Amino acid sequence: MTDTHWFVYIIQCGDQSYYTGIAKDVKRRFDEHESQGRLSARYLRGRLPLQLVYTVEVTDRVAALQLEYRIKQLPRSKKIQLIKGELQLHRAPFWAILPPFSPD
């Protein structure tokens, strides 16, 4: 069974920092973060107001985790470019860009 409709999202906090996460239902997850309750990410607690500034759909949970990691490794300036649409990250998994295996 394939997990479909996973999303990677970026939230801008009230202190202008960025939080990146993954979810199957971004609206529900954003509402959990905004509630500041026990389901909210600890990083976001006390950093209101929150604004959802970027979402992208990926093929499955593994791809979402990989893209989330890549975004978290970006410097702030590159995250801003990504949010503005000035930067595109290659979303294919690393094995998709390898040449085919030939057992010779």
N, C-alpha and C. Protein backbone atom coordinates (compact mmCIF):
# COMPACT_ATOMS: atom_id res chain seq x y z
N MET A 1 0.85 -1.19 0.00
CA MET A 1 0.00 0.00 0.00
C MET A 1 0.89 1.25 0.00
N THR A 2 0.59 2.19 -0.86
CA THR A 2 1.39 3.39 -0.99
C THR A 2 0.76 4.54 -0.21
N ASP A 3 1.57 5.23 0.57
CA ASP A 3 1.11 6.44 1.25
C ASP A 3 1.12 7.57 0.24
N THR A 4 -0.03 8.16 -0.02
CA THR A 4 -0.10 9.24 -0.99
C THR A 4 -0.41 10.55 -0.29
N HIS A 5 -0.17 11.61 -1.01
CA HIS A 5 -0.52 12.95 -0.54
C HIS A 5 0.21 13.35 0.73
N TRP A 6 1.49 13.18 0.76
CA TRP A 6 2.29 13.74 1.84
C TRP A 6 2.74 15.12 1.43
N PHE A 7 2.89 15.99 2.39
CA PHE A 7 3.29 17.37 2.12
C PHE A 7 4.46 17.76 3.01
N VAL A 8 5.30 18.63 2.46
CA VAL A 8 6.35 19.29 3.23
C VAL A 8 5.90 20.74 3.34
N TYR A 9 6.00 21.31 4.53
CA TYR A 9 5.54 22.69 4.71
C TYR A 9 6.56 23.49 5.51
N ILE A 10 6.49 24.80 5.33
CA ILE A 10 7.33 25.73 6.10
C ILE A 10 6.40 26.74 6.75
N ILE A 11 6.62 26.96 8.04
CA ILE A 11 5.87 27.95 8.81
C ILE A 11 6.83 29.06 9.21
N GLN A 12 6.38 30.31 9.03
CA GLN A 12 7.15 31.45 9.52
C GLN A 12 6.58 31.83 10.88
N CYS A 13 7.47 31.93 11.85
CA CYS A 13 7.07 32.26 13.23
C CYS A 13 7.04 33.77 13.44
N GLY A 14 6.46 34.17 14.55
CA GLY A 14 6.39 35.58 14.90
C GLY A 14 7.75 36.23 15.06
N ASP A 15 8.77 35.44 15.40
CA ASP A 15 10.13 35.98 15.52
C ASP A 15 10.90 35.91 14.21
N GLN A 16 10.18 35.64 13.10
CA GLN A 16 10.71 35.57 11.74
C GLN A 16 11.59 34.34 11.47
N SER A 17 11.60 33.38 12.38
CA SER A 17 12.33 32.14 12.12
C SER A 17 11.41 31.21 11.33
N TYR A 18 11.99 30.13 10.79
CA TYR A 18 11.24 29.19 9.98
C TYR A 18 11.25 27.81 10.61
N TYR A 19 10.11 27.12 10.48
CA TYR A 19 9.97 25.74 10.95
C TYR A 19 9.52 24.91 9.76
N THR A 20 10.18 23.79 9.53
CA THR A 20 9.84 22.89 8.42
C THR A 20 9.33 21.58 8.98
N GLY A 21 8.25 21.07 8.40
CA GLY A 21 7.69 19.80 8.85
C GLY A 21 7.02 19.06 7.71
N ILE A 22 6.49 17.87 8.02
CA ILE A 22 5.75 17.08 7.04
C ILE A 22 4.39 16.69 7.64
N ALA A 23 3.42 16.47 6.76
CA ALA A 23 2.10 16.06 7.21
C ALA A 23 1.30 15.54 6.03
N LYS A 24 0.30 14.72 6.33
CA LYS A 24 -0.64 14.30 5.30
C LYS A 24 -1.76 15.34 5.16
N ASP A 25 -2.08 16.03 6.25
CA ASP A 25 -3.12 17.06 6.27
C ASP A 25 -2.50 18.33 6.85
N VAL A 26 -2.07 19.22 5.98
CA VAL A 26 -1.33 20.41 6.42
C VAL A 26 -2.22 21.33 7.25
N LYS A 27 -3.48 21.51 6.85
CA LYS A 27 -4.36 22.40 7.62
C LYS A 27 -4.53 21.90 9.06
N ARG A 28 -4.79 20.59 9.20
CA ARG A 28 -4.94 20.02 10.55
C ARG A 28 -3.66 20.21 11.35
N ARG A 29 -2.52 19.93 10.73
CA ARG A 29 -1.24 20.04 11.44
C ARG A 29 -0.95 21.50 11.82
N PHE A 30 -1.23 22.43 10.91
CA PHE A 30 -1.02 23.85 11.21
C PHE A 30 -1.92 24.28 12.37
N ASP A 31 -3.16 23.83 12.39
CA ASP A 31 -4.08 24.15 13.49
C ASP A 31 -3.55 23.60 14.81
N GLU A 32 -2.95 22.40 14.77
CA GLU A 32 -2.35 21.83 15.99
C GLU A 32 -1.20 22.71 16.48
N HIS A 33 -0.38 23.17 15.54
CA HIS A 33 0.72 24.05 15.92
C HIS A 33 0.21 25.37 16.51
N GLU A 34 -0.80 25.95 15.87
CA GLU A 34 -1.34 27.22 16.34
C GLU A 34 -1.99 27.10 17.72
N SER A 35 -2.53 25.93 18.05
CA SER A 35 -3.20 25.74 19.33
C SER A 35 -2.21 25.81 20.50
N GLN A 36 -0.93 25.59 20.20
CA GLN A 36 0.13 25.62 21.21
C GLN A 36 -0.06 24.54 22.27
N GLY A 37 -0.87 23.54 21.96
CA GLY A 37 -1.13 22.44 22.89
C GLY A 37 -0.06 21.36 22.82
N ARG A 38 -0.38 20.21 23.37
CA ARG A 38 0.60 19.14 23.45
C ARG A 38 0.97 18.56 22.09
N LEU A 39 0.13 18.75 21.07
CA LEU A 39 0.44 18.25 19.73
C LEU A 39 1.27 19.23 18.91
N SER A 40 1.47 20.42 19.43
CA SER A 40 2.28 21.42 18.75
C SER A 40 3.76 21.07 18.87
N ALA A 41 4.52 21.37 17.83
CA ALA A 41 5.96 21.17 17.91
C ALA A 41 6.53 22.08 18.99
N ARG A 42 7.43 21.56 19.78
CA ARG A 42 7.99 22.36 20.88
C ARG A 42 8.64 23.64 20.38
N TYR A 43 9.30 23.56 19.21
CA TYR A 43 9.96 24.74 18.67
C TYR A 43 8.98 25.89 18.47
N LEU A 44 7.75 25.59 18.13
CA LEU A 44 6.78 26.63 17.80
C LEU A 44 6.07 27.22 19.01
N ARG A 45 6.19 26.59 20.15
CA ARG A 45 5.50 27.09 21.34
C ARG A 45 6.08 28.43 21.76
N GLY A 46 5.20 29.40 21.91
CA GLY A 46 5.62 30.74 22.31
C GLY A 46 6.14 31.58 21.17
N ARG A 47 5.99 31.12 19.92
CA ARG A 47 6.49 31.87 18.77
C ARG A 47 5.37 32.38 17.87
N LEU A 48 4.21 32.62 18.45
CA LEU A 48 3.07 33.14 17.69
C LEU A 48 3.32 34.57 17.26
N PRO A 49 2.68 35.06 16.21
CA PRO A 49 1.76 34.36 15.33
C PRO A 49 2.52 33.50 14.31
N LEU A 50 1.85 32.45 13.86
CA LEU A 50 2.42 31.55 12.87
C LEU A 50 1.77 31.81 11.52
N GLN A 51 2.56 31.64 10.46
CA GLN A 51 2.03 31.83 9.11
C GLN A 51 2.57 30.71 8.23
N LEU A 52 1.67 30.00 7.57
CA LEU A 52 2.07 28.95 6.64
C LEU A 52 2.53 29.63 5.35
N VAL A 53 3.81 29.46 5.00
CA VAL A 53 4.36 30.20 3.86
C VAL A 53 4.76 29.32 2.68
N TYR A 54 4.78 28.00 2.86
CA TYR A 54 5.22 27.13 1.77
C TYR A 54 4.66 25.73 1.98
N THR A 55 4.13 25.14 0.92
CA THR A 55 3.75 23.73 0.94
C THR A 55 4.08 23.13 -0.41
N VAL A 56 4.47 21.87 -0.39
CA VAL A 56 4.69 21.13 -1.63
C VAL A 56 4.28 19.68 -1.39
N GLU A 57 3.60 19.10 -2.38
CA GLU A 57 3.16 17.72 -2.28
C GLU A 57 4.26 16.82 -2.83
N VAL A 58 4.48 15.70 -2.15
CA VAL A 58 5.47 14.72 -2.60
C VAL A 58 4.80 13.35 -2.70
N THR A 59 5.53 12.39 -3.25
CA THR A 59 4.93 11.09 -3.58
C THR A 59 4.60 10.24 -2.37
N ASP A 60 5.43 10.27 -1.34
CA ASP A 60 5.21 9.40 -0.18
C ASP A 60 5.94 9.95 1.04
N ARG A 61 5.83 9.25 2.15
CA ARG A 61 6.43 9.71 3.41
C ARG A 61 7.95 9.77 3.33
N VAL A 62 8.55 8.80 2.68
CA VAL A 62 10.01 8.78 2.56
C VAL A 62 10.49 10.01 1.79
N ALA A 63 9.83 10.32 0.69
CA ALA A 63 10.20 11.51 -0.09
C ALA A 63 9.99 12.78 0.74
N ALA A 64 8.92 12.81 1.54
CA ALA A 64 8.66 13.97 2.40
C ALA A 64 9.78 14.15 3.42
N LEU A 65 10.19 13.06 4.04
CA LEU A 65 11.27 13.12 5.04
C LEU A 65 12.58 13.57 4.40
N GLN A 66 12.85 13.07 3.21
CA GLN A 66 14.09 13.45 2.51
C GLN A 66 14.08 14.93 2.15
N LEU A 67 12.96 15.42 1.63
CA LEU A 67 12.87 16.83 1.26
C LEU A 67 12.90 17.72 2.50
N GLU A 68 12.23 17.29 3.55
CA GLU A 68 12.26 18.05 4.81
C GLU A 68 13.70 18.20 5.29
N TYR A 69 14.46 17.12 5.25
CA TYR A 69 15.86 17.17 5.68
C TYR A 69 16.66 18.14 4.81
N ARG A 70 16.45 18.07 3.50
CA ARG A 70 17.18 18.98 2.59
C ARG A 70 16.86 20.44 2.89
N ILE A 71 15.58 20.73 3.13
CA ILE A 71 15.19 22.11 3.43
C ILE A 71 15.80 22.57 4.75
N LYS A 72 15.80 21.70 5.75
CA LYS A 72 16.36 22.06 7.05
C LYS A 72 17.85 22.34 6.96
N GLN A 73 18.53 21.77 5.97
CA GLN A 73 19.96 22.00 5.80
C GLN A 73 20.27 23.31 5.07
N LEU A 74 19.26 23.91 4.45
CA LEU A 74 19.47 25.15 3.70
C LEU A 74 19.72 26.33 4.64
N PRO A 75 20.57 27.25 4.21
CA PRO A 75 20.69 28.50 4.98
C PRO A 75 19.41 29.32 4.82
N ARG A 76 19.21 30.24 5.73
CA ARG A 76 18.00 31.07 5.73
C ARG A 76 17.76 31.74 4.38
N SER A 77 18.79 32.25 3.75
CA SER A 77 18.64 32.95 2.47
C SER A 77 18.07 32.03 1.39
N LYS A 78 18.48 30.77 1.38
CA LYS A 78 17.96 29.80 0.40
C LYS A 78 16.52 29.42 0.73
N LYS A 79 16.17 29.35 2.02
CA LYS A 79 14.78 29.06 2.39
C LYS A 79 13.87 30.18 1.91
N ILE A 80 14.33 31.42 2.02
CA ILE A 80 13.54 32.56 1.55
C ILE A 80 13.36 32.48 0.04
N GLN A 81 14.41 32.10 -0.69
CA GLN A 81 14.30 31.93 -2.14
C GLN A 81 13.30 30.82 -2.48
N LEU A 82 13.34 29.74 -1.73
CA LEU A 82 12.41 28.63 -1.94
C LEU A 82 10.97 29.09 -1.73
N ILE A 83 10.73 29.84 -0.67
CA ILE A 83 9.39 30.34 -0.35
C ILE A 83 8.90 31.28 -1.45
N LYS A 84 9.79 32.12 -1.98
CA LYS A 84 9.42 33.07 -3.04
C LYS A 84 9.28 32.40 -4.40
N GLY A 85 9.65 31.12 -4.51
CA GLY A 85 9.58 30.43 -5.79
C GLY A 85 10.79 30.65 -6.66
N GLU A 86 11.84 31.21 -6.10
CA GLU A 86 13.07 31.49 -6.85
C GLU A 86 14.06 30.33 -6.81
N LEU A 87 13.76 29.30 -6.03
CA LEU A 87 14.64 28.14 -5.90
C LEU A 87 13.79 26.89 -6.01
N GLN A 88 14.22 25.96 -6.83
CA GLN A 88 13.54 24.67 -6.98
C GLN A 88 14.48 23.59 -6.48
N LEU A 89 13.99 22.75 -5.60
CA LEU A 89 14.78 21.61 -5.14
C LEU A 89 14.42 20.40 -5.97
N HIS A 90 15.41 19.65 -6.36
CA HIS A 90 15.18 18.41 -7.10
C HIS A 90 14.52 17.43 -6.16
N ARG A 91 13.27 17.03 -6.43
CA ARG A 91 12.52 16.20 -5.50
C ARG A 91 12.66 14.71 -5.74
N ALA A 92 13.37 14.30 -6.79
CA ALA A 92 13.52 12.87 -7.03
C ALA A 92 14.46 12.29 -5.98
N PRO A 93 14.20 11.07 -5.55
CA PRO A 93 15.12 10.44 -4.60
C PRO A 93 16.49 10.24 -5.22
N PHE A 94 17.51 10.16 -4.40
CA PHE A 94 18.88 10.12 -4.91
C PHE A 94 19.10 8.96 -5.86
N TRP A 95 18.41 7.82 -5.67
CA TRP A 95 18.64 6.69 -6.54
C TRP A 95 18.03 6.90 -7.93
N ALA A 96 17.12 7.86 -8.06
CA ALA A 96 16.50 8.11 -9.36
C ALA A 96 17.47 8.80 -10.33
N ILE A 97 18.54 9.38 -9.81
CA ILE A 97 19.48 10.05 -10.69
C ILE A 97 20.74 9.22 -10.94
N LEU A 98 20.79 8.01 -10.38
CA LEU A 98 21.91 7.12 -10.63
C LEU A 98 21.72 6.38 -11.94
N PRO A 99 22.81 6.07 -12.64
CA PRO A 99 22.66 5.30 -13.89
C PRO A 99 22.14 3.90 -13.57
N PRO A 100 21.46 3.26 -14.51
CA PRO A 100 20.95 1.91 -14.25
C PRO A 100 22.07 0.93 -13.96
N PHE A 101 21.80 -0.02 -13.11
CA PHE A 101 22.77 -1.04 -12.75
C PHE A 101 22.88 -2.06 -13.88
N SER A 102 24.10 -2.37 -14.26
CA SER A 102 24.29 -3.41 -15.29
C SER A 102 25.28 -4.44 -14.75
N PRO A 103 24.81 -5.65 -14.47
CA PRO A 103 25.69 -6.69 -13.92
C PRO A 103 26.57 -7.30 -15.00
N ASP A 104 27.74 -6.76 -15.22
CA ASP A 104 28.68 -7.28 -16.22
C ASP A 104 29.78 -8.08 -15.62
